[in-house]
Amino acid sequence: MKISKIIFGLIIIFSLMISCKNGNDKADGYGNFEAVEITVSAENNGKLILFSVDEGQSIKKGRFIGYIDTIPLTLKKEQLQVSKSIITSKSSGVLSQISVLEAQLRTANISKNRIQNLLKENAGTQQQLDDINGKIDVINQQIRSVEIQNSTVVNELKSIDVQINQLEDQLQKSKIINPIDGTVLVKYAEPNEITSFGKPLYKIANLNTMQLKVYISENQLTSIKIGQNVTVKVDADKSMKNFEGIISWIASEAEFTPKIIQTKEERVNLVYAVKVEVKNDGSLKIGMPAEMWVQNSKQ
């Protein structure tokens, strides 16, 4: 009888230990690690002449990766520059005509002033003044006509300059420059392949800082806020490995619970997505499952 009481007591203690453990060892959120992934695409059409990228390679921001064939663009630019030179020479001829006419206009105005002074002294005639005024009108009309011709030439030059600027922009975009510090996740192209505008070349992500996306219930919202420090746990060899994390984003709208939610009771409710920034020591990978713990007492 005494032995039975002892066994019964041990069973109760063991049950209490398990119930306490289950109550305290439940994480505040479950999710998987993500990273901000950027797909670098071609910004021009042509053959991929140089493309020095390998999966798993760490690349610095601004590094020259390769370039797309630029010979057709260069030839077209040279052709436009020749056309510009020809049109510029035409414009110079037109401007010289305007200079001659303006010189004639200045001379005619001097003659007009002289005739007007003679009229005041009754030494000139109205006919002389009318003739010089007529000559000035003709010169002004000729200047306007030449200026109209020159405006056409100027517009042609502006059009060519715009085309040259567009080609220079395309030439610049033929260079493949890495946009961020990161690690190459996927390589989509190889050297000497024909690529086109918008075609993906490689995918890169900064893995130094990872984002753990977890889901929490509505009644947990009051216990967290953006900027709050939390503990993130991942599976290790024989235990859990802890990381420090900071809540960087909380969804403003609820959504149906994803498969990552652990219990059946939680899966029937709406939850809110939360992102936690975690410094990566090299062991964290995209897609790796993890837990978020808010209370220090649960660590």
C-alpha atoms as a PDB file:
ATOM      1  CA  MET A   1       0.000   0.000   0.000  1.00  0.00           C
ATOM      2  CA  LYS A   2       2.857   2.349   0.871  1.00  0.00           C
ATOM      3  CA  ILE A   3       4.610   1.523  -2.406  1.00  0.00           C
ATOM      4  CA  SER A   4       1.411   2.242  -4.349  1.00  0.00           C
ATOM      5  CA  LYS A   5       1.147   5.668  -2.730  1.00  0.00           C
ATOM      6  CA  ILE A   6       4.752   6.435  -3.641  1.00  0.00           C
ATOM      7  CA  ILE A   7       4.200   5.375  -7.257  1.00  0.00           C
ATOM      8  CA  PHE A   8       0.981   7.418  -7.451  1.00  0.00           C
ATOM      9  CA  GLY A   9       2.802  10.445  -6.040  1.00  0.00           C
ATOM     10  CA  LEU A  10       5.619  10.114  -8.584  1.00  0.00           C
ATOM     11  CA  ILE A  11       3.069   9.897 -11.395  1.00  0.00           C
ATOM     12  CA  ILE A  12       1.398  13.136 -10.244  1.00  0.00           C
ATOM     13  CA  ILE A  13       4.760  14.941  -9.958  1.00  0.00           C
ATOM     14  CA  PHE A  14       5.821  13.727 -13.402  1.00  0.00           C
ATOM     15  CA  SER A  15       2.487  14.858 -14.892  1.00  0.00           C
ATOM     16  CA  LEU A  16       2.851  18.283 -13.319  1.00  0.00           C
ATOM     17  CA  MET A  17       6.391  18.592 -14.683  1.00  0.00           C
ATOM     18  CA  ILE A  18       5.228  17.753 -18.208  1.00  0.00           C
ATOM     19  CA  SER A  19       2.263  20.140 -18.037  1.00  0.00           C
ATOM     20  CA  CYS A  20       4.506  22.938 -16.771  1.00  0.00           C
ATOM     21  CA  LYS A  21       7.048  22.203 -19.456  1.00  0.00           C
ATOM     22  CA  ASN A  22       4.414  22.259 -22.188  1.00  0.00           C
ATOM     23  CA  GLY A  23       3.019  25.521 -20.874  1.00  0.00           C
ATOM     24  CA  ASN A  24       6.365  27.324 -20.668  1.00  0.00           C
ATOM     25  CA  ASP A  25       8.210  25.913 -23.664  1.00  0.00           C
ATOM     26  CA  LYS A  26       5.855  27.185 -26.330  1.00  0.00           C
ATOM     27  CA  ALA A  27       7.376  29.817 -28.607  1.00  0.00           C
ATOM     28  CA  ASP A  28       5.573  33.078 -29.349  1.00  0.00           C
ATOM     29  CA  GLY A  29       5.907  32.587 -33.094  1.00  0.00           C
ATOM     30  CA  TYR A  30       7.095  30.110 -35.700  1.00  0.00           C
ATOM     31  CA  GLY A  31       8.387  30.855 -39.165  1.00  0.00           C
ATOM     32  CA  ASN A  32      11.172  30.632 -41.705  1.00  0.00           C
ATOM     33  CA  PHE A  33      14.121  32.821 -42.561  1.00  0.00           C
ATOM     34  CA  GLU A  34      13.969  35.050 -45.613  1.00  0.00           C
ATOM     35  CA  ALA A  35      16.334  37.520 -47.276  1.00  0.00           C
ATOM     36  CA  VAL A  36      15.800  40.523 -49.513  1.00  0.00           C
ATOM     37  CA  GLU A  37      16.455  38.947 -52.903  1.00  0.00           C
ATOM     38  CA  ILE A  38      17.208  41.058 -55.988  1.00  0.00           C
ATOM     39  CA  THR A  39      17.028  39.662 -59.498  1.00  0.00           C
ATOM     40  CA  VAL A  40      19.527  41.461 -61.726  1.00  0.00           C
ATOM     41  CA  SER A  41      18.233  41.572 -65.305  1.00  0.00           C
ATOM     42  CA  ALA A  42      19.682  42.633 -68.638  1.00  0.00           C
ATOM     43  CA  GLU A  43      18.992  46.249 -69.595  1.00  0.00           C
ATOM     44  CA  ASN A  44      19.897  45.797 -73.246  1.00  0.00           C
ATOM     45  CA  ASN A  45      19.742  43.310 -76.109  1.00  0.00           C
ATOM     46  CA  GLY A  46      22.682  41.389 -77.546  1.00  0.00           C
ATOM     47  CA  LYS A  47      25.344  38.791 -76.867  1.00  0.00           C
ATOM     48  CA  LEU A  48      26.630  38.459 -73.317  1.00  0.00           C
ATOM     49  CA  ILE A  49      30.332  38.984 -74.015  1.00  0.00           C
ATOM     50  CA  LEU A  50      31.585  38.885 -70.411  1.00  0.00           C
ATOM     51  CA  PHE A  51      29.742  37.539 -67.378  1.00  0.00           C
ATOM     52  CA  SER A  52      31.863  36.662 -64.324  1.00  0.00           C
ATOM     53  CA  VAL A  53      29.422  35.391 -61.715  1.00  0.00           C
ATOM     54  CA  ASP A  54      29.263  32.109 -59.800  1.00  0.00           C
ATOM     55  CA  GLU A  55      26.607  30.818 -57.427  1.00  0.00           C
ATOM     56  CA  GLY A  56      27.637  31.255 -53.801  1.00  0.00           C
ATOM     57  CA  GLN A  57      30.052  34.059 -54.708  1.00  0.00           C
ATOM     58  CA  SER A  58      30.114  37.151 -52.486  1.00  0.00           C
ATOM     59  CA  ILE A  59      30.109  40.366 -54.524  1.00  0.00           C
ATOM     60  CA  LYS A  60      30.501  43.983 -53.459  1.00  0.00           C
ATOM     61  CA  LYS A  61      28.143  46.743 -54.543  1.00  0.00           C
ATOM     62  CA  GLY A  62      29.251  48.552 -57.713  1.00  0.00           C
ATOM     63  CA  ARG A  63      31.468  45.733 -58.977  1.00  0.00           C
ATOM     64  CA  PHE A  64      31.708  45.338 -62.751  1.00  0.00           C
ATOM     65  CA  ILE A  65      30.232  41.917 -63.603  1.00  0.00           C
ATOM     66  CA  GLY A  66      30.293  41.910 -67.395  1.00  0.00           C
ATOM     67  CA  TYR A  67      28.834  43.566 -70.467  1.00  0.00           C
ATOM     68  CA  ILE A  68      26.566  42.992 -73.442  1.00  0.00           C
ATOM     69  CA  ASP A  69      27.933  43.413 -76.993  1.00  0.00           C
ATOM     70  CA  THR A  70      28.119  47.155 -77.725  1.00  0.00           C
ATOM     71  CA  ILE A  71      29.461  47.162 -81.325  1.00  0.00           C
ATOM     72  CA  PRO A  72      26.075  47.878 -83.025  1.00  0.00           C
ATOM     73  CA  LEU A  73      25.399  50.752 -80.623  1.00  0.00           C
ATOM     74  CA  THR A  74      28.891  52.190 -81.093  1.00  0.00           C
ATOM     75  CA  LEU A  75      28.577  52.110 -84.893  1.00  0.00           C
ATOM     76  CA  LYS A  76      25.194  53.807 -84.741  1.00  0.00           C
ATOM     77  CA  LYS A  77      26.600  56.490 -82.458  1.00  0.00           C
ATOM     78  CA  GLU A  78      29.485  57.158 -84.867  1.00  0.00           C
ATOM     79  CA  GLN A  79      26.999  57.452 -87.750  1.00  0.00           C
ATOM     80  CA  LEU A  80      24.980  60.030 -85.829  1.00  0.00           C
ATOM     81  CA  GLN A  81      28.112  62.003 -84.996  1.00  0.00           C
ATOM     82  CA  VAL A  82      29.002  62.178 -88.718  1.00  0.00           C
ATOM     83  CA  SER A  83      25.485  63.387 -89.518  1.00  0.00           C
ATOM     84  CA  LYS A  84      25.794  65.970 -86.763  1.00  0.00           C
ATOM     85  CA  SER A  85      29.041  67.274 -88.272  1.00  0.00           C
ATOM     86  CA  ILE A  86      27.421  67.664 -91.690  1.00  0.00           C
ATOM     87  CA  ILE A  87      24.403  69.501 -90.281  1.00  0.00           C
ATOM     88  CA  THR A  88      26.656  71.700 -88.122  1.00  0.00           C
ATOM     89  CA  SER A  89      28.533  72.816 -91.231  1.00  0.00           C
ATOM     90  CA  LYS A  90      25.181  73.745 -92.816  1.00  0.00           C
ATOM     91  CA  SER A  91      24.261  75.721 -89.735  1.00  0.00           C
ATOM     92  CA  SER A  92      27.575  77.580 -89.902  1.00  0.00           C
ATOM     93  CA  GLY A  93      26.766  78.613 -93.508  1.00  0.00           C
ATOM     94  CA  VAL A  94      23.343  79.861 -92.498  1.00  0.00           C
ATOM     95  CA  LEU A  95      24.759  81.811 -89.567  1.00  0.00           C
ATOM     96  CA  SER A  96      27.307  83.460 -91.866  1.00  0.00           C
ATOM     97  CA  GLN A  97      24.439  84.628 -94.093  1.00  0.00           C
ATOM     98  CA  ILE A  98      22.742  86.163 -91.067  1.00  0.00           C
ATOM     99  CA  SER A  99      25.972  87.964 -90.164  1.00  0.00           C
ATOM    100  CA  VAL A 100      26.203  89.490 -93.639  1.00  0.00           C
ATOM    101  CA  LEU A 101      22.588  90.624 -93.568  1.00  0.00           C
ATOM    102  CA  GLU A 102      22.961  92.103 -90.102  1.00  0.00           C
ATOM    103  CA  ALA A 103      25.980  94.080 -91.324  1.00  0.00           C
ATOM    104  CA  GLN A 104      23.893  95.382 -94.254  1.00  0.00           C
ATOM    105  CA  LEU A 105      21.112  96.297 -91.811  1.00  0.00           C
ATOM    106  CA  ARG A 106      23.505  98.327 -89.660  1.00  0.00           C
ATOM    107  CA  THR A 107      24.744 100.206 -92.734  1.00  0.00           C
ATOM    108  CA  ALA A 108      21.178 100.889 -93.873  1.00  0.00           C
ATOM    109  CA  ASN A 109      20.238 102.228 -90.434  1.00  0.00           C
ATOM    110  CA  ILE A 110      23.237 104.595 -90.529  1.00  0.00           C
ATOM    111  CA  SER A 111      22.090 105.829 -93.954  1.00  0.00           C
ATOM    112  CA  LYS A 112      18.582 106.298 -92.607  1.00  0.00           C
ATOM    113  CA  ASN A 113      19.822 108.449 -89.743  1.00  0.00           C
ATOM    114  CA  ARG A 114      21.851 110.532 -92.168  1.00  0.00           C
ATOM    115  CA  ILE A 115      18.841 111.071 -94.477  1.00  0.00           C
ATOM    116  CA  GLN A 116      16.624 112.016 -91.535  1.00  0.00           C
ATOM    117  CA  ASN A 117      19.167 114.657 -90.493  1.00  0.00           C
ATOM    118  CA  LEU A 118      19.275 115.999 -94.048  1.00  0.00           C
ATOM    119  CA  LEU A 119      15.480 116.229 -94.088  1.00  0.00           C
ATOM    120  CA  LYS A 120      15.574 118.329 -90.961  1.00  0.00           C
ATOM    121  CA  GLU A 121      17.897 120.734 -92.750  1.00  0.00           C
ATOM    122  CA  ASN A 122      15.818 120.540 -96.002  1.00  0.00           C
ATOM    123  CA  ALA A 123      18.828 119.009 -97.747  1.00  0.00           C
ATOM    124  CA  GLY A 124      17.222 115.608 -98.375  1.00  0.00           C
ATOM    125  CA  THR A 125      14.046 114.253 -99.911  1.00  0.00           C
ATOM    126  CA  GLN A 126      11.197 112.064 -98.674  1.00  0.00           C
ATOM    127  CA  GLN A 127      11.907 109.696-101.563  1.00  0.00           C
ATOM    128  CA  GLN A 128      15.361 108.998-100.197  1.00  0.00           C
ATOM    129  CA  LEU A 129      13.877 108.172 -96.764  1.00  0.00           C
ATOM    130  CA  ASP A 130      11.235 105.907 -98.302  1.00  0.00           C
ATOM    131  CA  ASP A 131      13.869 104.060-100.306  1.00  0.00           C
ATOM    132  CA  ILE A 132      16.068 103.416 -97.290  1.00  0.00           C
ATOM    133  CA  ASN A 133      13.078 102.283 -95.209  1.00  0.00           C
ATOM    134  CA  GLY A 134      12.137  99.883 -97.975  1.00  0.00           C
ATOM    135  CA  LYS A 135      15.677  98.536 -98.082  1.00  0.00           C
ATOM    136  CA  ILE A 136      15.657  98.018 -94.288  1.00  0.00           C
ATOM    137  CA  ASP A 137      12.355  96.107 -94.511  1.00  0.00           C
ATOM    138  CA  VAL A 138      13.771  93.836 -97.204  1.00  0.00           C
ATOM    139  CA  ILE A 139      16.873  93.087 -95.135  1.00  0.00           C
ATOM    140  CA  ASN A 140      14.752  92.302 -92.058  1.00  0.00           C
ATOM    141  CA  GLN A 141      12.612  89.903 -94.097  1.00  0.00           C
ATOM    142  CA  GLN A 142      15.740  88.210 -95.428  1.00  0.00           C
ATOM    143  CA  ILE A 143      17.092  87.837 -91.890  1.00  0.00           C
ATOM    144  CA  ARG A 144      13.808  86.286 -90.700  1.00  0.00           C
ATOM    145  CA  SER A 145      13.818  83.885 -93.669  1.00  0.00           C
ATOM    146  CA  VAL A 146      17.363  82.763 -92.943  1.00  0.00           C
ATOM    147  CA  GLU A 147      16.584  82.411 -89.225  1.00  0.00           C
ATOM    148  CA  ILE A 148      13.666  80.101 -90.102  1.00  0.00           C
ATOM    149  CA  GLN A 149      16.028  78.004 -92.181  1.00  0.00           C
ATOM    150  CA  ASN A 150      18.507  77.941 -89.324  1.00  0.00           C
ATOM    151  CA  SER A 151      15.822  76.924 -86.794  1.00  0.00           C
ATOM    152  CA  THR A 152      15.174  73.817 -88.888  1.00  0.00           C
ATOM    153  CA  VAL A 153      18.878  72.997 -88.791  1.00  0.00           C
ATOM    154  CA  VAL A 154      18.997  73.636 -85.029  1.00  0.00           C
ATOM    155  CA  ASN A 155      16.051  71.275 -84.480  1.00  0.00           C
ATOM    156  CA  GLU A 156      17.836  68.597 -86.512  1.00  0.00           C
ATOM    157  CA  LEU A 157      20.911  69.028 -84.323  1.00  0.00           C
ATOM    158  CA  LYS A 158      18.802  68.761 -81.154  1.00  0.00           C
ATOM    159  CA  SER A 159      17.194  65.583 -82.487  1.00  0.00           C
ATOM    160  CA  ILE A 160      20.600  64.060 -83.195  1.00  0.00           C
ATOM    161  CA  ASP A 161      21.852  65.060 -79.730  1.00  0.00           C
ATOM    162  CA  VAL A 162      18.846  63.309 -78.156  1.00  0.00           C
ATOM    163  CA  GLN A 163      19.562  60.154 -80.177  1.00  0.00           C
ATOM    164  CA  ILE A 164      23.233  60.251 -79.186  1.00  0.00           C
ATOM    165  CA  ASN A 165      22.273  60.634 -75.505  1.00  0.00           C
ATOM    166  CA  GLN A 166      19.932  57.659 -75.816  1.00  0.00           C
ATOM    167  CA  LEU A 167      22.725  55.560 -77.329  1.00  0.00           C
ATOM    168  CA  GLU A 168      25.119  56.626 -74.580  1.00  0.00           C
ATOM    169  CA  ASP A 169      22.517  55.549 -72.020  1.00  0.00           C
ATOM    170  CA  GLN A 170      22.162  52.183 -73.777  1.00  0.00           C
ATOM    171  CA  LEU A 171      25.939  51.811 -73.889  1.00  0.00           C
ATOM    172  CA  GLN A 172      26.093  52.492 -70.168  1.00  0.00           C
ATOM    173  CA  LYS A 173      23.327  49.974 -69.510  1.00  0.00           C
ATOM    174  CA  SER A 174      25.231  47.378 -71.526  1.00  0.00           C
ATOM    175  CA  LYS A 175      27.574  47.220 -68.547  1.00  0.00           C
ATOM    176  CA  ILE A 176      26.399  44.853 -65.801  1.00  0.00           C
ATOM    177  CA  ILE A 177      27.082  46.458 -62.419  1.00  0.00           C
ATOM    178  CA  ASN A 178      26.252  44.627 -59.199  1.00  0.00           C
ATOM    179  CA  PRO A 179      23.629  46.664 -57.260  1.00  0.00           C
ATOM    180  CA  ILE A 180      24.221  45.521 -53.634  1.00  0.00           C
ATOM    181  CA  ASP A 181      26.657  43.768 -51.332  1.00  0.00           C
ATOM    182  CA  GLY A 182      25.527  40.166 -51.251  1.00  0.00           C
ATOM    183  CA  THR A 183      25.825  36.538 -52.180  1.00  0.00           C
ATOM    184  CA  VAL A 184      24.815  35.131 -55.566  1.00  0.00           C
ATOM    185  CA  LEU A 185      21.918  32.723 -55.021  1.00  0.00           C
ATOM    186  CA  VAL A 186      21.108  31.678 -58.594  1.00  0.00           C
ATOM    187  CA  LYS A 187      22.846  32.188 -61.947  1.00  0.00           C
ATOM    188  CA  TYR A 188      20.501  32.289 -64.948  1.00  0.00           C
ATOM    189  CA  ALA A 189      22.836  33.055 -67.864  1.00  0.00           C
ATOM    190  CA  GLU A 190      26.230  32.119 -69.273  1.00  0.00           C
ATOM    191  CA  PRO A 191      28.783  34.054 -71.367  1.00  0.00           C
ATOM    192  CA  ASN A 192      28.131  34.166 -75.148  1.00  0.00           C
ATOM    193  CA  GLU A 193      24.400  33.667 -74.689  1.00  0.00           C
ATOM    194  CA  ILE A 194      22.016  36.036 -76.472  1.00  0.00           C
ATOM    195  CA  THR A 195      20.140  38.045 -73.903  1.00  0.00           C
ATOM    196  CA  SER A 196      17.330  40.592 -74.120  1.00  0.00           C
ATOM    197  CA  PHE A 197      15.966  43.500 -72.128  1.00  0.00           C
ATOM    198  CA  GLY A 198      14.468  42.306 -68.849  1.00  0.00           C
ATOM    199  CA  LYS A 199      15.907  38.781 -69.025  1.00  0.00           C
ATOM    200  CA  PRO A 200      17.153  37.652 -65.559  1.00  0.00           C
ATOM    201  CA  LEU A 201      20.911  37.199 -65.289  1.00  0.00           C
ATOM    202  CA  TYR A 202      21.380  36.305 -61.618  1.00  0.00           C
ATOM    203  CA  LYS A 203      19.753  36.592 -58.212  1.00  0.00           C
ATOM    204  CA  ILE A 204      21.589  38.097 -55.266  1.00  0.00           C
ATOM    205  CA  ALA A 205      20.767  38.678 -51.595  1.00  0.00           C
ATOM    206  CA  ASN A 206      22.492  40.222 -48.623  1.00  0.00           C
ATOM    207  CA  LEU A 207      22.744  37.323 -46.172  1.00  0.00           C
ATOM    208  CA  ASN A 208      24.503  39.291 -43.434  1.00  0.00           C
ATOM    209  CA  THR A 209      21.099  40.168 -42.022  1.00  0.00           C
ATOM    210  CA  MET A 210      18.231  37.696 -42.314  1.00  0.00           C
ATOM    211  CA  GLN A 211      14.507  38.263 -41.812  1.00  0.00           C
ATOM    212  CA  LEU A 212      12.543  35.742 -39.800  1.00  0.00           C
ATOM    213  CA  LYS A 213       8.890  35.895 -40.818  1.00  0.00           C
ATOM    214  CA  VAL A 214       6.629  34.523 -38.094  1.00  0.00           C
ATOM    215  CA  TYR A 215       2.900  34.607 -37.431  1.00  0.00           C
ATOM    216  CA  ILE A 216       1.231  35.596 -34.196  1.00  0.00           C
ATOM    217  CA  SER A 217      -2.354  35.662 -32.985  1.00  0.00           C
ATOM    218  CA  GLU A 218      -4.358  38.821 -32.338  1.00  0.00           C
ATOM    219  CA  ASN A 219      -4.040  38.572 -28.559  1.00  0.00           C
ATOM    220  CA  GLN A 220      -0.221  38.610 -28.915  1.00  0.00           C
ATOM    221  CA  LEU A 221      -0.169  41.988 -30.688  1.00  0.00           C
ATOM    222  CA  THR A 222      -0.216  43.925 -27.429  1.00  0.00           C
ATOM    223  CA  SER A 223       2.993  42.230 -26.258  1.00  0.00           C
ATOM    224  CA  ILE A 224       5.161  43.217 -29.240  1.00  0.00           C
ATOM    225  CA  LYS A 225       6.137  46.422 -31.050  1.00  0.00           C
ATOM    226  CA  ILE A 226       8.489  47.496 -33.821  1.00  0.00           C
ATOM    227  CA  GLY A 227      12.059  47.870 -32.532  1.00  0.00           C
ATOM    228  CA  GLN A 228      11.533  45.390 -29.714  1.00  0.00           C
ATOM    229  CA  ASN A 229      14.315  42.920 -28.940  1.00  0.00           C
ATOM    230  CA  VAL A 230      13.380  39.245 -29.064  1.00  0.00           C
ATOM    231  CA  THR A 231      15.157  35.909 -28.970  1.00  0.00           C
ATOM    232  CA  VAL A 232      15.269  33.715 -32.059  1.00  0.00           C
ATOM    233  CA  LYS A 233      15.944  30.010 -31.702  1.00  0.00           C
ATOM    234  CA  VAL A 234      17.000  27.523 -34.367  1.00  0.00           C
ATOM    235  CA  ASP A 235      17.704  23.825 -34.196  1.00  0.00           C
ATOM    236  CA  ALA A 236      21.314  22.921 -33.377  1.00  0.00           C
ATOM    237  CA  ASP A 237      23.014  19.532 -32.963  1.00  0.00           C
ATOM    238  CA  LYS A 238      21.543  18.582 -29.606  1.00  0.00           C
ATOM    239  CA  SER A 239      19.808  21.764 -28.454  1.00  0.00           C
ATOM    240  CA  MET A 240      18.520  25.118 -29.654  1.00  0.00           C
ATOM    241  CA  LYS A 241      20.853  27.908 -30.771  1.00  0.00           C
ATOM    242  CA  ASN A 242      19.892  31.422 -29.705  1.00  0.00           C
ATOM    243  CA  PHE A 243      20.168  34.656 -31.727  1.00  0.00           C
ATOM    244  CA  GLU A 244      19.284  38.216 -30.876  1.00  0.00           C
ATOM    245  CA  GLY A 245      16.575  39.705 -33.072  1.00  0.00           C
ATOM    246  CA  ILE A 246      14.740  42.987 -33.524  1.00  0.00           C
ATOM    247  CA  ILE A 247      11.137  43.253 -34.714  1.00  0.00           C
ATOM    248  CA  SER A 248      11.247  45.365 -37.893  1.00  0.00           C
ATOM    249  CA  TRP A 249       7.720  45.009 -39.263  1.00  0.00           C
ATOM    250  CA  ILE A 250       4.235  44.037 -38.099  1.00  0.00           C
ATOM    251  CA  ALA A 251       1.423  43.460 -40.597  1.00  0.00           C
ATOM    252  CA  SER A 252      -1.462  45.914 -40.392  1.00  0.00           C
ATOM    253  CA  GLU A 253      -4.002  43.338 -41.576  1.00  0.00           C
ATOM    254  CA  ALA A 254      -4.701  39.783 -40.484  1.00  0.00           C
ATOM    255  CA  GLU A 255      -4.495  36.803 -42.805  1.00  0.00           C
ATOM    256  CA  PHE A 256      -5.478  33.147 -42.718  1.00  0.00           C
ATOM    257  CA  THR A 257      -2.985  31.053 -40.845  1.00  0.00           C
ATOM    258  CA  PRO A 258      -0.261  29.410 -42.951  1.00  0.00           C
ATOM    259  CA  LYS A 259       0.909  25.817 -42.542  1.00  0.00           C
ATOM    260  CA  ILE A 260       3.790  26.897 -40.302  1.00  0.00           C
ATOM    261  CA  ILE A 261       1.366  27.360 -37.370  1.00  0.00           C
ATOM    262  CA  GLN A 262       1.938  24.373 -35.115  1.00  0.00           C
ATOM    263  CA  THR A 263      -1.327  23.515 -33.373  1.00  0.00           C
ATOM    264  CA  LYS A 264      -4.784  22.770 -34.752  1.00  0.00           C
ATOM    265  CA  GLU A 265      -6.334  25.385 -32.496  1.00  0.00           C
ATOM    266  CA  GLU A 266      -4.089  28.136 -33.883  1.00  0.00           C
ATOM    267  CA  ARG A 267      -4.726  27.142 -37.490  1.00  0.00           C
ATOM    268  CA  VAL A 268      -8.424  28.001 -37.289  1.00  0.00           C
ATOM    269  CA  ASN A 269      -7.723  31.646 -36.391  1.00  0.00           C
ATOM    270  CA  LEU A 270      -6.493  34.663 -38.300  1.00  0.00           C
ATOM    271  CA  VAL A 271      -2.921  35.695 -37.571  1.00  0.00           C
ATOM    272  CA  TYR A 272      -0.609  38.646 -38.193  1.00  0.00           C
ATOM    273  CA  ALA A 273       2.743  38.395 -39.961  1.00  0.00           C
ATOM    274  CA  VAL A 274       5.807  39.743 -38.156  1.00  0.00           C
ATOM    275  CA  LYS A 275       9.362  40.163 -39.445  1.00  0.00           C
ATOM    276  CA  VAL A 276      12.397  39.945 -37.186  1.00  0.00           C
ATOM    277  CA  GLU A 277      15.849  41.170 -38.262  1.00  0.00           C
ATOM    278  CA  VAL A 278      18.609  38.761 -37.218  1.00  0.00           C
ATOM    279  CA  LYS A 279      22.365  39.140 -37.684  1.00  0.00           C
ATOM    280  CA  ASN A 280      23.678  36.107 -39.523  1.00  0.00           C
ATOM    281  CA  ASP A 281      26.817  34.425 -38.246  1.00  0.00           C
ATOM    282  CA  GLY A 282      26.923  32.276 -41.376  1.00  0.00           C
ATOM    283  CA  SER A 283      24.790  29.447 -40.049  1.00  0.00           C
ATOM    284  CA  LEU A 284      21.397  30.878 -41.013  1.00  0.00           C
ATOM    285  CA  LYS A 285      20.020  29.916 -44.418  1.00  0.00           C
ATOM    286  CA  ILE A 286      17.014  30.988 -46.475  1.00  0.00           C
ATOM    287  CA  GLY A 287      14.020  28.789 -45.647  1.00  0.00           C
ATOM    288  CA  MET A 288      15.438  27.562 -42.338  1.00  0.00           C
ATOM    289  CA  PRO A 289      12.698  27.175 -39.672  1.00  0.00           C
ATOM    290  CA  ALA A 290      13.015  29.112 -36.434  1.00  0.00           C
ATOM    291  CA  GLU A 291      11.117  30.227 -33.356  1.00  0.00           C
ATOM    292  CA  MET A 292      10.551  33.689 -31.896  1.00  0.00           C
ATOM    293  CA  TRP A 293      10.537  34.105 -28.130  1.00  0.00           C
ATOM    294  CA  VAL A 294       9.394  37.425 -26.692  1.00  0.00           C
ATOM    295  CA  GLN A 295       9.576  36.902 -22.931  1.00  0.00           C
ATOM    296  CA  ASN A 296      13.018  36.497 -21.365  1.00  0.00           C
ATOM    297  CA  SER A 297      11.567  34.011 -18.963  1.00  0.00           C
ATOM    298  CA  LYS A 298      11.003  31.620 -21.864  1.00  0.00           C
ATOM    299  CA  GLN A 299      14.592  31.571 -23.088  1.00  0.00           C
END
